[in-house]
Amino acid sequence: MTPEALSAALTTTALFGRRLLSAPTITNSVANQSIFANAPFSLQVNISEVFSYSGSLPDVLVTQADETPLPDWLTFTMSTPPVLVGSLVIPGANVITVVDNHAYVAYGYRGLKIFNVSNKASPILVGSIATTKAQDISLIGNYAYLADTNGGLKIFDVTNKASPILVGSAVTINACGITVIGNYAYLADGVGGLKIFDVNNKTSPILIGRAATEGACGITVVGNYAYMTNYNLGLKIIDVSNKTNPILLGSAVTQYALGVAVVGNYAYVADGGGGLKIFDVSNKASPIFVGSVVTRGASGVTIVGNYAYLADYRDGFKIIDVSNKTSPIFVGSAVIGNPQDVAVVGNYAYLADGYSGLEIFSSEKTVLSGTPSPLNRGILPLKLTITDTFDQTASLYFSIIVLNNPPVAPTIEPKTVHHAFHWTLSEFSDTDGDALIYSATLTDGSSLPSWVSFDSATRALSGVVPPVVTVREIEILADDSHGGIT
């Protein structure tokens, strides 16, 4: 057979084989979900129960029906049990972040490595960077900001993933953790404490502020506050509203704080042998311990919806339901070698493992969760799409209907009145915080008698009782202007 004939035969066979693979199909629908504003919501979808697909676990994407991203109040993530779907064994991984189908993994003395994770079952090493000792990484646009221990702060242009370029650096003492927000890099610099750099000019980052702490390790920044782990010195909270003069506000005692994630008014600390600890940080000057789960080597943590994903270098990969902050519970785990950090994107968890390198986990179960505000009332049409191993897709549609909470009437006892009277009624409550419009009628729907008047602004009944009168039953109505009338 000639080479041309062999090529044609192989192509025909490949195409024919491809046709034998069925595209994903919908086997069951997802019912529309009705929920009330201000009420926590969670929906678990088992992908294998609503789709039929070939190959390994599919990619899952949940968007609005018009394919725009989910609103801020709603998140989707993997549930339990986690299943290993792909890996690439290069020992020494300690920190990971994932952006646009690329995993950036800090490998300590082995530098920074970049993996293409488009195919979750078979991640590919596409680039690497030699560094002193890569400890942490933050990605903004086409730039990777690296905490490189005594190599300091380093900035790389990663536009070309196969050949990253060092564009700038700054000398520090012991760069351990880094977060970049806008034009500022916040560096946890070991005994050097917190250091803030202006990185508007990538080629020449400028140190503009610092706060003295010991053992600065991990860091995350939310709003005007930096939350920094400090090993056995616990969690530190620093006001960074003035970048040139950051101020230590408060601290919390921990066993050996390594990683931290902050969502809303809660800080989740990966506390080494102290496990996962949860603090209420509403009062930055005085964080309050509210709950914990016991593990033996909590190192990295990320929060998605009501779940904490924990990398524990002694106990493996843990998934924890933190919807009840005072009593978090384990809901899933995977025993793996030496996980140091975890990143979660969609229904995939990416682990940096000291023994096994990059590991990717998924689940057939996807969870949508969040708490809508009254501003979210109405119908939210959603689209759930899977993409199988062979890049074939299927989508189904359903809606979340956020309902209005009607006003709640107070208890009003019967009242006997004589002659002239003025009676101010108690205010109705409204969970959604809506302004209420009050009105009054007789219970049969007819108008009040001429001798009774009602002031809707003050909720006051007043009048002069005539000489002869029978019992009158009056109905007070409160209208929230969103369909709720009580």
Protein backbone atom coordinates (compact mmCIF):
# COMPACT_ATOMS: atom_id res chain seq x y z
CA MET A 1 0.00 0.00 0.00
CA THR A 2 1.37 3.41 -0.93
CA PRO A 3 1.86 6.06 1.79
CA GLU A 4 -0.96 8.09 0.22
CA ALA A 5 -3.34 5.12 0.27
CA LEU A 6 -2.37 4.27 3.86
CA SER A 7 -3.01 7.87 4.94
CA ALA A 8 -6.39 7.87 3.24
CA ALA A 9 -7.30 4.57 4.86
CA LEU A 10 -6.31 5.79 8.33
CA THR A 11 -8.25 9.02 7.84
CA THR A 12 -11.34 7.12 6.72
CA THR A 13 -11.05 4.78 9.69
CA ALA A 14 -10.65 7.69 12.10
CA LEU A 15 -13.64 9.50 10.68
CA PHE A 16 -15.74 6.36 10.68
CA GLY A 17 -14.71 5.64 14.27
CA ARG A 18 -15.63 9.19 15.24
CA ARG A 19 -19.13 8.77 13.81
CA LEU A 20 -19.68 5.71 16.01
CA LEU A 21 -19.32 7.87 19.12
CA SER A 22 -22.71 9.19 20.19
CA ALA A 23 -23.00 12.85 21.02
CA PRO A 24 -24.18 13.58 24.57
CA THR A 25 -27.95 13.47 24.99
CA ILE A 26 -30.36 14.76 27.61
CA THR A 27 -31.93 11.93 29.60
CA ASN A 28 -33.74 13.94 32.28
CA SER A 29 -34.69 17.55 32.85
CA VAL A 30 -33.76 19.80 35.75
CA ALA A 31 -36.87 21.22 37.38
CA ASN A 32 -37.27 24.97 37.76
CA GLN A 33 -36.33 26.09 41.27
CA SER A 34 -38.46 28.52 43.28
CA ILE A 35 -36.69 30.22 46.19
CA PHE A 36 -37.26 33.28 48.35
CA ALA A 37 -35.03 36.34 48.40
CA ASN A 38 -32.56 36.43 51.31
CA ALA A 39 -32.80 32.64 51.74
CA PRO A 40 -29.75 30.39 51.15
CA PHE A 41 -30.15 28.20 48.08
CA SER A 42 -28.40 25.01 47.01
CA LEU A 43 -29.13 22.67 44.10
CA GLN A 44 -27.14 19.53 43.37
CA VAL A 45 -27.27 18.13 39.84
CA ASN A 46 -25.92 14.67 39.13
CA ILE A 47 -24.60 15.01 35.58
CA SER A 48 -24.89 11.29 34.82
CA GLU A 49 -28.59 11.41 35.73
CA VAL A 50 -29.50 14.19 33.31
CA PHE A 51 -27.07 13.46 30.45
CA SER A 52 -25.83 10.37 28.66
CA TYR A 53 -22.25 10.78 27.42
CA SER A 54 -19.25 8.81 26.17
CA GLY A 55 -15.77 8.78 27.66
CA SER A 56 -14.67 10.12 31.02
CA LEU A 57 -16.31 12.85 33.12
CA PRO A 58 -17.32 15.78 30.91
CA ASP A 59 -16.58 19.46 31.33
CA VAL A 60 -19.55 21.24 32.90
CA LEU A 61 -20.46 24.89 32.40
CA VAL A 62 -23.39 26.75 33.91
CA THR A 63 -24.24 30.18 32.53
CA GLN A 64 -27.27 32.36 32.11
CA ALA A 65 -29.43 31.22 29.20
CA ASP A 66 -27.95 33.91 26.95
CA GLU A 67 -24.47 32.49 27.78
CA THR A 68 -23.45 35.45 29.92
CA PRO A 69 -21.76 34.61 33.27
CA LEU A 70 -23.79 33.76 36.35
CA PRO A 71 -24.80 36.71 38.56
CA ASP A 72 -22.50 37.44 41.47
CA TRP A 73 -24.81 35.86 44.03
CA LEU A 74 -24.79 32.44 42.33
CA THR A 75 -21.83 30.03 42.05
CA PHE A 76 -21.39 26.52 40.71
CA THR A 77 -18.78 23.99 41.69
CA MET A 78 -18.11 20.29 41.99
CA SER A 79 -19.64 18.25 44.79
CA THR A 80 -18.72 14.87 46.17
CA PRO A 81 -17.24 12.37 45.82
CA PRO A 82 -14.18 13.79 44.04
CA VAL A 83 -12.77 11.60 41.27
CA LEU A 84 -9.23 11.81 39.89
CA VAL A 85 -9.58 12.54 36.17
CA GLY A 86 -6.04 13.53 35.21
CA SER A 87 -2.51 14.11 36.48
CA LEU A 88 1.05 14.82 35.46
CA VAL A 89 3.70 13.53 37.84
CA ILE A 90 6.40 16.13 38.42
CA PRO A 91 7.13 16.04 42.17
CA GLY A 92 7.62 19.19 44.20
CA ALA A 93 4.45 21.18 43.49
CA ASN A 94 3.42 23.52 46.32
CA VAL A 95 1.14 26.32 45.04
CA ILE A 96 -1.31 26.47 42.13
CA THR A 97 -3.52 28.95 40.33
CA VAL A 98 -5.62 28.26 37.22
CA VAL A 99 -6.56 30.83 34.58
CA ASP A 100 -7.98 30.25 31.07
CA ASN A 101 -7.23 26.53 30.85
CA HIS A 102 -3.68 26.96 32.10
CA ALA A 103 -2.40 25.89 35.51
CA TYR A 104 0.51 27.87 36.92
CA VAL A 105 2.30 25.81 39.55
CA ALA A 106 5.07 26.98 41.88
CA TYR A 107 7.63 24.21 42.32
CA GLY A 108 10.00 25.68 44.91
CA TYR A 109 13.60 25.16 43.76
CA ARG A 110 12.28 23.81 40.44
CA GLY A 111 10.76 27.16 39.58
CA LEU A 112 7.40 27.89 37.99
CA LYS A 113 5.76 25.47 35.56
CA ILE A 114 2.87 26.17 33.21
CA PHE A 115 0.46 23.41 32.15
CA ASN A 116 -2.22 23.39 29.47
CA VAL A 117 -5.23 21.77 31.17
CA SER A 118 -7.74 22.06 28.31
CA ASN A 119 -7.80 18.27 28.26
CA LYS A 120 -8.29 17.47 31.92
CA ALA A 121 -7.42 13.82 31.41
CA SER A 122 -4.04 14.65 29.92
CA PRO A 123 -2.49 17.96 31.12
CA ILE A 124 0.56 19.07 29.14
CA LEU A 125 3.63 20.92 30.39
CA VAL A 126 4.01 23.87 28.01
CA GLY A 127 6.50 26.15 29.73
CA SER A 128 8.73 26.61 32.75
CA ILE A 129 10.71 29.32 34.49
CA ALA A 130 13.90 28.89 36.49
CA THR A 131 13.68 30.73 39.82
CA THR A 132 15.38 30.75 43.21
CA LYS A 133 12.56 29.07 45.13
CA ALA A 134 9.05 29.73 43.80
CA GLN A 135 6.64 29.96 46.76
CA ASP A 136 3.48 31.66 45.47
CA ILE A 137 2.02 33.15 42.32
CA SER A 138 -0.63 35.68 41.31
CA LEU A 139 -1.90 36.08 37.72
CA ILE A 140 -3.18 39.37 36.32
CA GLY A 141 -3.74 39.51 32.58
CA ASN A 142 -0.61 38.36 30.78
CA TYR A 143 1.64 38.79 33.80
CA ALA A 144 2.66 36.32 36.48
CA TYR A 145 3.83 37.78 39.80
CA LEU A 146 6.03 35.39 41.73
CA ALA A 147 7.02 35.30 45.39
CA ASP A 148 10.50 33.78 45.03
CA THR A 149 11.78 33.62 48.65
CA ASN A 150 15.19 35.34 48.79
CA GLY A 151 14.90 35.88 45.04
CA GLY A 152 12.29 38.51 45.91
CA LEU A 153 9.37 39.65 43.78
CA LYS A 154 9.60 38.64 40.12
CA ILE A 155 7.30 39.63 37.28
CA PHE A 156 7.03 37.54 34.11
CA ASP A 157 5.26 38.19 30.83
CA VAL A 158 3.46 34.90 30.13
CA THR A 159 1.80 35.90 26.87
CA ASN A 160 3.84 33.12 25.27
CA LYS A 161 3.31 30.27 27.71
CA ALA A 162 6.13 28.26 26.17
CA SER A 163 8.65 31.03 26.74
CA PRO A 164 7.83 33.35 29.67
CA ILE A 165 9.97 36.48 29.90
CA LEU A 166 11.26 38.10 33.10
CA VAL A 167 10.34 41.78 32.84
CA GLY A 168 10.93 43.10 36.35
CA SER A 169 11.92 42.28 39.92
CA ALA A 170 12.41 43.72 43.38
CA VAL A 171 14.67 42.64 46.22
CA THR A 172 12.94 41.38 49.38
CA ILE A 173 13.94 39.33 52.42
CA ASN A 174 11.95 36.09 52.11
CA ALA A 175 9.04 36.42 49.68
CA CYS A 176 6.54 33.72 50.63
CA GLY A 177 3.03 34.80 49.57
CA ILE A 178 1.65 37.26 47.03
CA THR A 179 -1.65 38.79 45.92
CA VAL A 180 -1.94 41.39 43.16
CA ILE A 181 -4.91 43.77 43.00
CA GLY A 182 -4.90 46.38 40.24
CA ASN A 183 -1.54 48.11 40.17
CA TYR A 184 -0.45 46.90 43.60
CA ALA A 185 1.35 43.74 44.70
CA TYR A 186 0.93 42.71 48.33
CA LEU A 187 3.83 40.54 49.45
CA ALA A 188 4.08 38.39 52.58
CA ASP A 189 7.83 38.65 53.09
CA GLY A 190 8.64 36.38 56.03
CA VAL A 191 10.40 38.34 58.77
CA GLY A 192 10.07 41.37 56.49
CA GLY A 193 6.32 41.44 57.14
CA LEU A 194 3.89 42.89 54.63
CA LYS A 195 5.34 44.84 51.73
CA ILE A 196 3.32 46.74 49.14
CA PHE A 197 4.71 47.43 45.68
CA ASP A 198 3.43 49.71 42.95
CA VAL A 199 3.64 47.48 39.84
CA ASN A 200 2.12 49.88 37.34
CA ASN A 201 5.53 49.84 35.65
CA LYS A 202 6.18 46.10 35.38
CA THR A 203 9.85 46.60 34.61
CA SER A 204 10.48 48.56 37.79
CA PRO A 205 8.21 47.70 40.76
CA ILE A 206 8.48 50.26 43.57
CA LEU A 207 8.19 49.51 47.29
CA ILE A 208 5.73 52.07 48.67
CA GLY A 209 4.61 50.70 52.03
CA ARG A 210 5.20 48.09 54.68
CA ALA A 211 3.83 46.74 57.95
CA ALA A 212 6.06 44.96 60.44
CA THR A 213 5.02 41.42 61.34
CA GLU A 214 7.04 38.27 61.87
CA GLY A 215 6.75 35.09 59.84
CA ALA A 216 4.53 36.49 57.10
CA CYS A 217 3.52 33.50 54.97
CA GLY A 218 0.26 33.57 53.01
CA ILE A 219 -1.83 36.57 52.01
CA THR A 220 -5.13 37.51 50.44
CA VAL A 221 -6.58 41.01 50.00
CA VAL A 222 -10.28 41.87 50.05
CA GLY A 223 -11.30 45.50 49.70
CA ASN A 224 -9.13 47.64 51.94
CA TYR A 225 -7.90 44.78 54.11
CA ALA A 226 -5.04 42.31 53.83
CA TYR A 227 -5.41 38.99 55.64
CA MET A 228 -2.03 37.42 56.31
CA THR A 229 -1.04 34.08 57.81
CA ASN A 230 2.03 34.04 60.04
CA TYR A 231 2.71 30.41 60.95
CA ASN A 232 2.50 30.04 64.75
CA LEU A 233 1.81 33.76 65.11
CA GLY A 234 -1.67 33.31 63.68
CA LEU A 235 -3.78 35.45 61.37
CA LYS A 236 -3.11 39.18 60.99
CA ILE A 237 -5.57 41.73 59.57
CA ILE A 238 -4.05 44.88 58.10
CA ASP A 239 -5.75 48.03 56.81
CA VAL A 240 -4.20 48.77 53.41
CA SER A 241 -6.47 51.65 52.38
CA ASN A 242 -3.39 53.86 52.63
CA LYS A 243 -0.85 51.90 50.61
CA THR A 244 2.06 53.94 51.93
CA ASN A 245 1.10 53.36 55.57
CA PRO A 246 -0.64 50.00 56.15
CA ILE A 247 -1.85 49.55 59.72
CA LEU A 248 -2.17 46.33 61.70
CA LEU A 249 -5.72 46.22 63.04
CA GLY A 250 -6.24 42.83 64.62
CA SER A 251 -5.09 39.24 64.93
CA ALA A 252 -6.32 35.78 65.78
CA VAL A 253 -4.53 32.95 67.54
CA THR A 254 -3.98 29.79 65.48
CA GLN A 255 -1.72 26.76 65.66
CA TYR A 256 0.30 27.09 62.44
CA ALA A 257 -1.49 29.30 59.91
CA LEU A 258 -0.42 28.63 56.31
CA GLY A 259 -3.21 29.54 53.90
CA VAL A 260 -6.22 31.84 54.10
CA ALA A 261 -9.34 32.56 52.05
CA VAL A 262 -11.85 35.30 52.85
CA VAL A 263 -15.49 35.38 51.73
CA GLY A 264 -17.91 37.94 53.10
CA ASN A 265 -17.37 38.37 56.82
CA TYR A 266 -15.52 35.10 57.31
CA ALA A 267 -11.86 34.12 57.08
CA TYR A 268 -11.04 30.45 56.50
CA VAL A 269 -7.56 29.54 57.73
CA ALA A 270 -5.64 26.42 56.72
CA ASP A 271 -3.97 25.96 60.08
CA GLY A 272 -1.55 23.06 59.64
CA GLY A 273 -2.13 20.54 62.43
CA GLY A 274 -4.95 22.76 63.67
CA GLY A 275 -7.09 21.87 60.65
CA LEU A 276 -9.49 24.36 59.07
CA LYS A 277 -10.45 27.26 61.33
CA ILE A 278 -13.21 29.78 60.62
CA PHE A 279 -13.20 33.32 62.01
CA ASP A 280 -15.85 36.02 61.92
CA VAL A 281 -13.93 39.09 60.76
CA SER A 282 -16.82 41.57 60.78
CA ASN A 283 -14.84 43.48 63.40
CA LYS A 284 -11.37 43.64 61.88
CA ALA A 285 -9.83 44.67 65.17
CA SER A 286 -11.18 41.63 66.98
CA PRO A 287 -11.77 38.53 64.81
CA ILE A 288 -13.83 35.85 66.55
CA PHE A 289 -13.30 32.11 66.23
CA VAL A 290 -16.59 30.46 65.23
CA GLY A 291 -15.86 26.92 64.06
CA SER A 292 -13.34 24.34 62.86
CA VAL A 293 -12.79 20.86 61.50
CA VAL A 294 -9.90 18.67 62.58
CA THR A 295 -7.25 17.65 60.06
CA ARG A 296 -3.54 16.96 60.52
CA GLY A 297 -1.88 19.18 57.92
CA ALA A 298 -4.12 21.87 56.42
CA SER A 299 -2.02 23.85 53.94
CA GLY A 300 -4.17 25.50 51.26
CA VAL A 301 -7.85 26.41 51.12
CA THR A 302 -10.28 27.87 48.63
CA ILE A 303 -13.99 28.62 49.09
CA VAL A 304 -16.69 28.22 46.44
CA GLY A 305 -20.30 28.69 47.45
CA ASN A 306 -20.96 26.72 50.64
CA TYR A 307 -17.91 24.51 50.29
CA ALA A 308 -14.32 24.72 51.47
CA TYR A 309 -11.78 22.77 49.41
CA LEU A 310 -8.80 21.91 51.58
CA ALA A 311 -5.37 20.64 50.63
CA ASP A 312 -4.01 18.74 53.61
CA TYR A 313 -0.45 17.51 53.26
CA ARG A 314 -1.08 14.62 55.67
CA ASP A 315 -4.76 13.75 55.17
CA GLY A 316 -5.26 14.41 51.44
CA PHE A 317 -7.92 16.39 49.59
CA LYS A 318 -10.93 17.36 51.71
CA ILE A 319 -14.28 18.90 50.82
CA ILE A 320 -16.11 20.57 53.71
CA ASP A 321 -19.63 21.99 53.87
CA VAL A 322 -19.27 25.36 55.60
CA SER A 323 -22.86 26.56 55.24
CA ASN A 324 -23.06 26.34 59.05
CA LYS A 325 -19.94 28.22 60.09
CA THR A 326 -20.12 27.01 63.68
CA SER A 327 -20.34 23.37 62.67
CA PRO A 328 -18.61 22.66 59.33
CA ILE A 329 -18.75 19.02 58.22
CA PHE A 330 -16.73 16.79 55.90
CA VAL A 331 -18.69 15.76 52.81
CA GLY A 332 -15.96 14.26 50.63
CA SER A 333 -12.30 13.38 50.42
CA ALA A 334 -9.61 11.75 48.33
CA VAL A 335 -6.50 10.12 49.74
CA ILE A 336 -3.51 11.43 47.79
CA GLY A 337 0.18 11.90 48.50
CA ASN A 338 1.14 15.33 49.76
CA PRO A 339 -1.30 18.05 48.62
CA GLN A 340 -0.08 21.57 49.35
CA ASP A 341 -2.60 23.82 47.59
CA VAL A 342 -5.89 23.71 45.70
CA ALA A 343 -7.63 25.82 43.06
CA VAL A 344 -11.23 25.25 41.97
CA VAL A 345 -12.62 26.28 38.58
CA GLY A 346 -16.10 25.15 37.60
CA ASN A 347 -16.52 21.48 38.48
CA TYR A 348 -12.78 20.80 38.63
CA ALA A 349 -10.35 20.96 41.52
CA TYR A 350 -6.66 21.32 40.73
CA LEU A 351 -4.20 20.09 43.37
CA ALA A 352 -0.51 20.96 43.74
CA ASP A 353 0.91 17.79 45.28
CA GLY A 354 4.43 17.58 46.67
CA TYR A 355 4.73 13.92 45.68
CA SER A 356 2.53 13.60 42.59
CA GLY A 357 2.73 17.04 40.98
CA LEU A 358 -0.44 18.26 39.28
CA GLU A 359 -3.66 16.35 39.99
CA ILE A 360 -7.11 17.18 38.64
CA PHE A 361 -10.33 16.06 40.32
CA SER A 362 -13.93 16.32 39.25
CA SER A 363 -17.32 14.89 40.11
CA GLU A 364 -20.48 13.81 38.35
CA LYS A 365 -22.28 16.13 40.73
CA THR A 366 -22.43 19.88 40.24
CA VAL A 367 -23.73 22.24 42.92
CA LEU A 368 -25.35 25.63 42.34
CA SER A 369 -25.53 27.71 45.49
CA GLY A 370 -25.95 31.24 46.74
CA THR A 371 -28.24 33.68 48.51
CA PRO A 372 -30.24 36.07 46.29
CA SER A 373 -31.04 39.55 47.51
CA PRO A 374 -34.39 41.29 46.97
CA LEU A 375 -32.78 42.99 43.96
CA ASN A 376 -32.57 39.54 42.34
CA ARG A 377 -36.31 38.85 42.46
CA GLY A 378 -37.68 37.49 39.21
CA ILE A 379 -36.88 34.68 36.79
CA LEU A 380 -33.25 33.74 36.08
CA PRO A 381 -33.06 31.42 33.03
CA LEU A 382 -29.97 29.18 33.12
CA LYS A 383 -28.11 26.96 30.65
CA LEU A 384 -26.20 23.85 31.73
CA THR A 385 -23.78 22.57 29.08
CA ILE A 386 -21.54 19.51 29.08
CA THR A 387 -18.64 18.89 26.72
CA ASP A 388 -17.52 15.28 26.49
CA THR A 389 -14.05 13.84 25.93
CA PHE A 390 -14.57 14.15 22.17
CA ASP A 391 -15.57 17.86 22.23
CA GLN A 392 -19.24 17.12 21.60
CA THR A 393 -21.75 19.14 23.58
CA ALA A 394 -25.29 19.04 24.88
CA SER A 395 -27.23 21.67 26.82
CA LEU A 396 -30.37 21.85 28.88
CA TYR A 397 -32.24 24.84 30.26
CA PHE A 398 -34.00 25.56 33.53
CA SER A 399 -34.79 28.60 35.66
CA ILE A 400 -34.33 29.84 39.19
CA ILE A 401 -37.34 31.88 40.26
CA VAL A 402 -36.53 34.26 43.10
CA LEU A 403 -39.75 34.96 44.95
CA ASN A 404 -40.83 37.98 46.91
CA ASN A 405 -41.22 37.69 50.69
CA PRO A 406 -44.62 39.13 51.59
CA PRO A 407 -44.99 41.47 54.57
CA VAL A 408 -45.66 39.87 57.96
CA ALA A 409 -48.47 41.27 60.10
CA PRO A 410 -47.98 41.90 63.82
CA THR A 411 -50.44 40.49 66.34
CA ILE A 412 -53.24 43.03 66.83
CA GLU A 413 -55.57 42.45 69.76
CA PRO A 414 -59.23 43.59 69.61
CA LYS A 415 -59.77 47.09 71.05
CA THR A 416 -62.76 48.71 72.63
CA VAL A 417 -63.05 52.43 71.95
CA HIS A 418 -65.34 55.12 73.39
CA HIS A 419 -66.17 58.57 72.08
CA ALA A 420 -63.16 60.12 70.34
CA PHE A 421 -60.28 57.69 69.75
CA HIS A 422 -56.82 57.54 68.16
CA TRP A 423 -55.16 54.15 67.75
CA THR A 424 -51.71 53.71 66.16
CA LEU A 425 -51.15 50.17 64.94
CA SER A 426 -47.85 48.28 65.09
CA GLU A 427 -45.66 48.27 62.02
CA PHE A 428 -45.63 45.24 59.70
CA SER A 429 -42.26 43.61 59.04
CA ASP A 430 -40.79 42.85 55.63
CA THR A 431 -37.82 40.49 55.19
CA ASP A 432 -36.89 42.12 51.88
CA GLY A 433 -36.75 45.59 53.39
CA ASP A 434 -39.41 46.98 51.05
CA ALA A 435 -41.26 50.21 51.79
CA LEU A 436 -44.83 49.27 52.69
CA ILE A 437 -48.04 51.00 51.66
CA TYR A 438 -50.84 50.59 54.18
CA SER A 439 -54.61 50.65 53.66
CA ALA A 440 -57.71 49.74 55.69
CA THR A 441 -61.14 48.33 54.87
CA LEU A 442 -63.82 46.36 56.64
CA THR A 443 -63.17 42.61 56.54
CA ASP A 444 -65.85 42.17 53.87
CA GLY A 445 -63.87 44.49 51.59
CA SER A 446 -66.21 47.45 51.94
CA SER A 447 -65.04 50.92 52.89
CA LEU A 448 -64.61 52.07 56.46
CA PRO A 449 -67.67 53.72 57.99
CA SER A 450 -67.75 57.48 57.75
CA TRP A 451 -66.89 57.95 61.42
CA VAL A 452 -63.55 56.07 61.10
CA SER A 453 -60.52 57.38 59.23
CA PHE A 454 -57.14 55.70 58.55
CA ASP A 455 -53.82 57.50 58.07
CA SER A 456 -51.66 55.23 55.87
CA ALA A 457 -48.48 57.16 56.70
CA THR A 458 -48.77 56.70 60.49
CA ARG A 459 -50.96 53.53 60.54
CA ALA A 460 -53.41 55.37 62.82
CA LEU A 461 -57.15 54.72 63.11
CA SER A 462 -59.10 57.64 64.54
CA GLY A 463 -62.64 58.97 64.79
CA VAL A 464 -65.63 59.68 67.03
CA VAL A 465 -67.89 56.77 67.96
CA PRO A 466 -71.61 57.43 67.24
CA PRO A 467 -74.26 56.83 69.98
CA VAL A 468 -75.27 53.47 68.58
CA VAL A 469 -72.71 51.22 66.93
CA THR A 470 -72.06 47.49 66.57
CA VAL A 471 -68.75 45.63 66.48
CA ARG A 472 -66.70 46.51 63.42
CA GLU A 473 -64.01 44.18 62.06
CA ILE A 474 -61.34 46.11 60.25
CA GLU A 475 -58.67 44.66 57.98
CA ILE A 476 -55.29 46.40 57.67
CA LEU A 477 -53.36 45.64 54.47
CA ALA A 478 -49.67 46.16 53.77
CA ASP A 479 -48.50 46.19 50.15
CA ASP A 480 -44.77 45.87 49.35
CA SER A 481 -45.27 46.86 45.66
CA HIS A 482 -43.74 43.55 44.54
CA GLY A 483 -46.88 41.44 44.65
CA GLY A 484 -46.83 40.85 48.39
CA ILE A 485 -49.98 41.96 50.20
CA THR A 486 -50.72 40.97 53.79
